[in-house]
């Protein structure tokens, strides 16, 4: 009995120490990456966003991926696009400085509904959606459920189909119990994320290299918070619960657009998430030698791709394209 009590006491002390460490990392994250935009309340939570460019120009709505925040776009790409377009980069519900009230709001249609309400409040319709990774799946949900808000899609390494398995760096997020998710988030998750960040970034960016300023300029420090772990875990469960139904509706897609992938993407399979979308009206391009985080590592290439997709929304529909693959230099011309 004495041994059992000692083990219990040791576990309690360990968890308390982890909770203190978590609070310190959370304060550091909020200080490193302060709120940079405005917040609009919507049903089920709120949307934090940054707005750039000419409000009378074509609107681009930039939607980031799993465990990310709008700084993935403001790192470089948003400023380039703002030279020509009206750009809105937002934190998905529950991410960054946005909020959501329940785990069920992590499902694709629910995230799309919250963003659609935000766009309605902002008076935005006929936007071109630029979705990266999980943000691509949310963009597709918006195009299916709220087509009046969407004129085109420019998807960067998007998730479009159910994953065969959760990517290795996101496996710790695959928790379905709310109380366990909260316990882990407020004790061991954040310190472990801080310790394993170099490995995780290496996988996410491979074969390219993560920039040295990812934690501040790209907002990565905001991931070192319990709320970020909870939201990302809810996103994994929400995707699993809603992805198949969305895939079955892809024949309903009615907007033009395309997909851009790095051929060496280590997180999502280009073959699974890219070419299968051609039959639903989207074009597909591959970049040789690049990975998943092309919006940060190759903003010029991504901006050129987005410009082409915007042009497609203003021209007659062209026949479905076969997949194309070209080295970076060829894409840049």
Protein backbone atom coordinates (compact mmCIF):
# COMPACT_ATOMS: atom_id res chain seq x y z
CA UNK A 1 0.00 0.00 0.00
CA UNK A 2 2.83 2.38 0.85
CA UNK A 3 4.38 1.78 -2.58
CA UNK A 4 1.08 2.48 -4.35
CA UNK A 5 0.59 5.71 -2.41
CA UNK A 6 4.15 6.76 -3.24
CA UNK A 7 3.56 6.13 -6.95
CA UNK A 8 0.33 8.11 -6.87
CA UNK A 9 2.05 10.99 -5.08
CA UNK A 10 4.88 10.94 -7.61
CA UNK A 11 2.39 11.06 -10.50
CA UNK A 12 0.56 13.98 -8.93
CA UNK A 13 3.80 15.89 -8.40
CA UNK A 14 4.85 15.17 -11.98
CA UNK A 15 1.55 16.37 -13.44
CA UNK A 16 1.61 19.51 -11.29
CA UNK A 17 5.13 20.26 -12.49
CA UNK A 18 4.01 19.76 -16.11
CA UNK A 19 1.02 22.06 -15.52
CA UNK A 20 3.31 24.81 -14.20
CA UNK A 21 5.63 24.37 -17.19
CA UNK A 22 2.63 24.49 -19.51
CA UNK A 23 1.43 27.80 -18.07
CA UNK A 24 4.90 29.29 -18.50
CA UNK A 25 5.11 28.16 -22.13
CA UNK A 26 1.62 29.51 -22.77
CA UNK A 27 2.57 32.96 -21.45
CA UNK A 28 5.71 32.91 -23.59
CA UNK A 29 3.72 31.95 -26.68
CA UNK A 30 1.18 34.72 -26.23
CA UNK A 31 3.97 37.22 -25.66
CA UNK A 32 5.95 36.02 -28.68
CA UNK A 33 2.93 36.09 -31.02
CA UNK A 34 0.45 38.77 -29.88
CA UNK A 35 -2.92 39.28 -31.52
CA UNK A 36 -2.31 41.07 -34.81
CA UNK A 37 -5.83 41.52 -36.20
CA UNK A 38 -9.50 42.04 -35.35
CA UNK A 39 -12.00 39.58 -33.86
CA UNK A 40 -15.59 39.12 -35.09
CA UNK A 41 -18.10 37.10 -33.02
CA UNK A 42 -20.00 34.39 -34.90
CA UNK A 43 -22.37 31.67 -33.79
CA UNK A 44 -20.35 29.12 -31.84
CA UNK A 45 -17.30 31.33 -31.26
CA UNK A 46 -15.30 34.06 -32.97
CA UNK A 47 -12.99 34.63 -35.94
CA UNK A 48 -9.68 36.46 -35.69
CA UNK A 49 -8.50 37.91 -38.99
CA UNK A 50 -6.03 40.23 -40.70
CA UNK A 51 -7.08 42.31 -43.70
CA UNK A 52 -4.74 43.72 -46.33
CA UNK A 53 -4.86 45.25 -49.80
CA UNK A 54 -7.51 47.11 -51.80
CA UNK A 55 -11.04 46.40 -50.48
CA UNK A 56 -12.42 47.01 -54.00
CA UNK A 57 -10.22 44.32 -55.57
CA UNK A 58 -10.93 40.58 -55.81
CA UNK A 59 -11.12 39.11 -52.29
CA UNK A 60 -8.86 36.21 -51.35
CA UNK A 61 -9.63 34.34 -48.11
CA UNK A 62 -6.61 32.48 -46.73
CA UNK A 63 -7.38 29.41 -44.56
CA UNK A 64 -4.53 27.61 -42.77
CA UNK A 65 -4.10 23.95 -41.87
CA UNK A 66 -4.01 21.66 -38.84
CA UNK A 67 -2.26 23.05 -35.75
CA UNK A 68 -1.58 26.28 -37.63
CA UNK A 69 -2.61 29.92 -37.54
CA UNK A 70 -2.97 32.83 -39.96
CA UNK A 71 0.72 33.72 -39.56
CA UNK A 72 1.48 30.83 -41.92
CA UNK A 73 0.12 33.15 -44.59
CA UNK A 74 1.26 36.51 -43.22
CA UNK A 75 4.81 35.10 -43.05
CA UNK A 76 5.28 36.13 -46.70
CA UNK A 77 2.43 35.18 -49.02
CA UNK A 78 -0.26 37.59 -47.79
CA UNK A 79 1.83 40.71 -48.44
CA UNK A 80 2.67 39.56 -51.96
CA UNK A 81 -1.00 38.94 -52.75
CA UNK A 82 -2.11 42.22 -51.15
CA UNK A 83 -0.27 44.12 -53.89
CA UNK A 84 -3.07 43.06 -56.28
CA UNK A 85 -5.97 41.73 -54.20
CA UNK A 86 -8.11 42.28 -51.14
CA UNK A 87 -6.66 39.69 -48.75
CA UNK A 88 -8.24 38.29 -45.59
CA UNK A 89 -6.13 35.81 -43.61
CA UNK A 90 -8.02 34.20 -40.74
CA UNK A 91 -7.51 31.84 -37.86
CA UNK A 92 -9.79 28.84 -38.31
CA UNK A 93 -12.35 28.46 -35.49
CA UNK A 94 -10.51 27.55 -32.29
CA UNK A 95 -7.05 28.25 -33.73
CA UNK A 96 -4.73 31.16 -33.05
CA UNK A 97 -6.89 33.90 -31.53
CA UNK A 98 -10.19 32.54 -32.89
CA UNK A 99 -12.46 30.50 -30.62
CA UNK A 100 -15.05 27.76 -30.81
CA UNK A 101 -17.36 26.56 -28.08
CA UNK A 102 -17.70 22.80 -28.65
CA UNK A 103 -15.72 19.88 -30.03
CA UNK A 104 -18.41 19.22 -32.66
CA UNK A 105 -17.53 22.53 -34.30
CA UNK A 106 -14.29 20.89 -35.44
CA UNK A 107 -16.18 19.04 -38.18
CA UNK A 108 -15.76 20.38 -41.70
CA UNK A 109 -19.32 21.68 -42.31
CA UNK A 110 -19.39 23.43 -38.94
CA UNK A 111 -16.05 25.19 -39.50
CA UNK A 112 -17.28 26.21 -42.95
CA UNK A 113 -20.51 27.59 -41.49
CA UNK A 114 -18.65 29.75 -38.97
CA UNK A 115 -16.36 31.14 -41.68
CA UNK A 116 -19.33 31.71 -44.01
CA UNK A 117 -21.07 33.73 -41.27
CA UNK A 118 -17.89 35.75 -40.82
CA UNK A 119 -17.78 36.45 -44.57
CA UNK A 120 -21.43 37.51 -44.52
CA UNK A 121 -20.74 39.92 -41.66
CA UNK A 122 -17.80 41.31 -43.62
CA UNK A 123 -19.96 41.66 -46.73
CA UNK A 124 -17.74 39.29 -48.72
CA UNK A 125 -19.13 37.16 -51.51
CA UNK A 126 -17.52 35.58 -54.57
CA UNK A 127 -14.21 35.14 -52.74
CA UNK A 128 -11.39 32.97 -54.00
CA UNK A 129 -10.47 30.60 -51.19
CA UNK A 130 -6.80 29.80 -50.64
CA UNK A 131 -6.74 26.75 -48.37
CA UNK A 132 -3.61 25.00 -47.15
CA UNK A 133 -3.65 21.39 -45.89
CA UNK A 134 -6.71 20.97 -43.61
CA UNK A 135 -7.66 24.49 -44.70
CA UNK A 136 -8.12 22.99 -48.17
CA UNK A 137 -10.75 20.59 -46.80
CA UNK A 138 -12.51 23.48 -45.05
CA UNK A 139 -12.37 25.50 -48.30
CA UNK A 140 -14.02 22.62 -50.15
CA UNK A 141 -16.71 22.46 -47.46
CA UNK A 142 -17.37 26.18 -47.97
CA UNK A 143 -17.61 25.73 -51.73
CA UNK A 144 -20.12 22.90 -51.27
CA UNK A 145 -22.31 24.41 -48.53
CA UNK A 146 -21.99 28.12 -49.26
CA UNK A 147 -21.32 28.47 -53.01
CA UNK A 148 -22.74 32.00 -53.00
CA UNK A 149 -19.64 33.07 -51.03
CA UNK A 150 -17.09 31.34 -53.30
CA UNK A 151 -15.98 32.10 -56.85
CA UNK A 152 -12.91 29.89 -56.99
CA UNK A 153 -10.45 27.64 -55.19
CA UNK A 154 -6.64 27.85 -55.02
CA UNK A 155 -5.65 24.93 -52.82
CA UNK A 156 -2.08 24.47 -51.55
CA UNK A 157 -1.21 20.89 -50.53
CA UNK A 158 -4.85 20.34 -49.52
CA UNK A 159 -6.35 17.45 -47.64
CA UNK A 160 -9.21 16.25 -49.86
CA UNK A 161 -9.83 12.62 -48.83
CA UNK A 162 -9.81 10.50 -45.67
CA UNK A 163 -6.29 9.74 -44.45
CA UNK A 164 -5.23 6.08 -44.33
CA UNK A 165 -3.70 6.93 -40.94
CA UNK A 166 -2.87 10.01 -38.91
CA UNK A 167 0.55 11.48 -39.89
CA UNK A 168 3.21 10.53 -37.36
CA UNK A 169 3.73 14.02 -35.93
CA UNK A 170 -0.02 14.35 -35.33
CA UNK A 171 -0.61 10.92 -33.74
CA UNK A 172 -0.57 12.38 -30.18
CA UNK A 173 -3.63 14.44 -31.21
CA UNK A 174 -5.73 11.36 -31.99
CA UNK A 175 -7.71 11.45 -28.72
CA UNK A 176 -11.50 11.08 -28.70
CA UNK A 177 -12.25 11.55 -24.98
CA UNK A 178 -12.88 15.17 -24.03
CA UNK A 179 -11.70 14.87 -20.42
CA UNK A 180 -8.53 13.00 -21.39
CA UNK A 181 -7.83 15.54 -24.14
CA UNK A 182 -8.12 18.35 -21.59
CA UNK A 183 -5.95 16.58 -19.01
CA UNK A 184 -3.16 15.92 -21.50
CA UNK A 185 -3.43 19.44 -22.94
CA UNK A 186 -2.96 21.07 -19.55
CA UNK A 187 -0.10 18.85 -18.38
CA UNK A 188 2.25 16.96 -20.71
CA UNK A 189 1.20 17.98 -24.25
CA UNK A 190 2.73 21.45 -24.40
CA UNK A 191 6.11 20.61 -22.82
CA UNK A 192 6.39 17.56 -25.08
CA UNK A 193 5.53 19.69 -28.11
CA UNK A 194 8.24 22.16 -27.15
CA UNK A 195 10.81 19.37 -26.77
CA UNK A 196 9.92 17.65 -30.04
CA UNK A 197 9.45 20.83 -32.11
CA UNK A 198 12.68 20.42 -34.13
CA UNK A 199 11.67 16.90 -35.19
CA UNK A 200 8.07 17.88 -35.96
CA UNK A 201 9.14 20.87 -38.04
CA UNK A 202 11.64 18.70 -39.87
CA UNK A 203 8.88 16.32 -40.89
CA UNK A 204 6.39 19.07 -41.76
CA UNK A 205 8.86 21.00 -43.94
CA UNK A 206 10.86 18.09 -45.37
CA UNK A 207 12.69 17.86 -47.69
CA UNK A 208 13.03 21.61 -47.21
CA UNK A 209 14.19 23.31 -44.01
CA UNK A 210 11.97 25.18 -41.57
CA UNK A 211 12.90 28.86 -41.24
CA UNK A 212 14.68 29.92 -38.06
CA UNK A 213 11.94 32.44 -37.29
CA UNK A 214 9.05 29.97 -37.53
CA UNK A 215 8.09 30.27 -33.85
CA UNK A 216 7.61 34.03 -33.96
CA UNK A 217 7.11 35.26 -37.52
CA UNK A 218 5.09 32.18 -38.57
CA UNK A 219 3.23 32.06 -35.26
CA UNK A 220 4.49 28.63 -34.21
CA UNK A 221 4.74 29.65 -30.55
CA UNK A 222 0.93 29.89 -30.43
CA UNK A 223 0.90 26.10 -30.76
CA UNK A 224 2.49 25.86 -27.31
CA UNK A 225 -0.83 26.35 -25.52
CA UNK A 226 -3.38 23.86 -24.11
CA UNK A 227 -6.12 25.38 -26.27
CA UNK A 228 -4.06 24.74 -29.42
CA UNK A 229 -3.65 21.05 -28.52
CA UNK A 230 -7.36 20.70 -27.73
CA UNK A 231 -8.40 22.38 -30.99
CA UNK A 232 -6.02 20.31 -33.11
CA UNK A 233 -7.20 17.10 -31.44
CA UNK A 234 -10.82 18.10 -32.07
CA UNK A 235 -9.90 18.81 -35.70
CA UNK A 236 -8.52 15.28 -36.12
CA UNK A 237 -11.72 13.78 -34.68
CA UNK A 238 -13.90 16.21 -36.63
CA UNK A 239 -12.18 15.35 -39.89
CA UNK A 240 -12.68 11.64 -39.25
CA UNK A 241 -16.37 12.22 -38.53
CA UNK A 242 -17.13 14.39 -41.56
CA UNK A 243 -14.65 13.66 -44.34
CA UNK A 244 -16.41 10.72 -46.01
CA UNK A 245 -19.69 12.63 -46.31
CA UNK A 246 -17.84 15.55 -47.91
CA UNK A 247 -16.04 13.31 -50.39
CA UNK A 248 -19.38 11.84 -51.51
CA UNK A 249 -20.53 15.36 -52.40
CA UNK A 250 -17.57 16.37 -54.59
CA UNK A 251 -19.64 15.84 -57.77
CA UNK A 252 -21.65 18.89 -56.59
CA UNK A 253 -18.63 21.23 -56.81
CA UNK A 254 -19.53 24.11 -59.08
CA UNK A 255 -16.56 26.51 -58.83
CA UNK A 256 -13.31 26.54 -60.86
CA UNK A 257 -9.89 26.25 -59.34
CA UNK A 258 -6.88 24.07 -58.86
CA UNK A 259 -4.47 22.26 -56.57
CA UNK A 260 -0.73 22.79 -56.11
CA UNK A 261 1.41 20.16 -54.38
CA UNK A 262 5.05 19.57 -53.57
CA UNK A 263 5.92 16.15 -54.95
CA UNK A 264 8.01 15.24 -51.86
CA UNK A 265 5.26 16.19 -49.36
CA UNK A 266 5.96 14.13 -46.23
CA UNK A 267 2.62 14.78 -44.51
CA UNK A 268 -0.02 14.25 -47.21
CA UNK A 269 0.14 12.06 -50.29
CA UNK A 270 -0.06 14.16 -53.46
CA UNK A 271 -1.37 11.10 -55.34
CA UNK A 272 -4.25 10.65 -52.88
CA UNK A 273 -5.30 14.29 -52.50
CA UNK A 274 -4.50 15.85 -55.86
CA UNK A 275 -5.22 13.99 -59.13
CA UNK A 276 -8.51 12.44 -57.88
CA UNK A 277 -9.97 15.97 -57.78
CA UNK A 278 -9.48 16.51 -61.53
CA UNK A 279 -12.73 14.70 -62.31
CA UNK A 280 -14.54 17.24 -60.11
CA UNK A 281 -13.30 20.19 -62.18
CA UNK A 282 -10.06 21.18 -60.44
CA UNK A 283 -6.69 21.37 -62.17
CA UNK A 284 -3.58 19.82 -60.62
CA UNK A 285 0.08 20.82 -60.57
CA UNK A 286 3.10 19.27 -58.83
CA UNK A 287 6.37 20.91 -57.85
CA UNK A 288 9.41 18.65 -57.86
CA UNK A 289 11.73 18.84 -54.85
CA UNK A 290 9.26 20.59 -52.53
CA UNK A 291 7.34 19.51 -49.44
CA UNK A 292 4.20 20.38 -47.52
CA UNK A 293 4.88 23.92 -46.32
CA UNK A 294 5.17 25.56 -49.74
CA UNK A 295 3.19 28.60 -48.62
CA UNK A 296 6.16 29.52 -46.39
CA UNK A 297 9.10 28.09 -48.35
CA UNK A 298 7.98 29.12 -51.85
CA UNK A 299 5.63 32.12 -51.56
CA UNK A 300 6.47 33.44 -55.04
CA UNK A 301 5.48 30.16 -56.68
CA UNK A 302 2.31 29.97 -54.60
CA UNK A 303 1.41 33.57 -55.45
CA UNK A 304 1.83 32.87 -59.18
CA UNK A 305 -0.39 29.80 -58.88
CA UNK A 306 -3.06 31.78 -57.01
CA UNK A 307 -3.01 34.50 -59.68
CA UNK A 308 -3.67 31.84 -62.31
CA UNK A 309 -6.59 30.47 -60.33
CA UNK A 310 -8.06 33.96 -59.92
CA UNK A 311 -7.79 34.43 -63.69
CA UNK A 312 -9.68 31.18 -64.21
CA UNK A 313 -12.63 32.49 -62.21
CA UNK A 314 -12.92 35.35 -64.70
CA UNK A 315 -12.70 33.23 -67.85
CA UNK A 316 -14.85 30.47 -69.37
CA UNK A 317 -14.40 26.98 -67.97
CA UNK A 318 -11.72 24.95 -69.77
CA UNK A 319 -11.71 21.19 -70.27
CA UNK A 320 -10.48 19.05 -67.37
CA UNK A 321 -6.69 18.89 -67.24
CA UNK A 322 -4.38 15.95 -66.77
CA UNK A 323 -1.90 16.20 -63.85
CA UNK A 324 1.23 18.18 -64.58
CA UNK A 325 4.58 18.06 -62.89
CA UNK A 326 7.46 20.43 -63.41
CA UNK A 327 10.63 21.47 -61.59
CA UNK A 328 10.55 24.70 -59.66
CA UNK A 329 12.59 26.66 -62.22
CA UNK A 330 10.16 25.73 -64.97
CA UNK A 331 7.15 26.83 -62.90
CA UNK A 332 8.83 30.16 -62.22
CA UNK A 333 9.71 30.60 -65.89
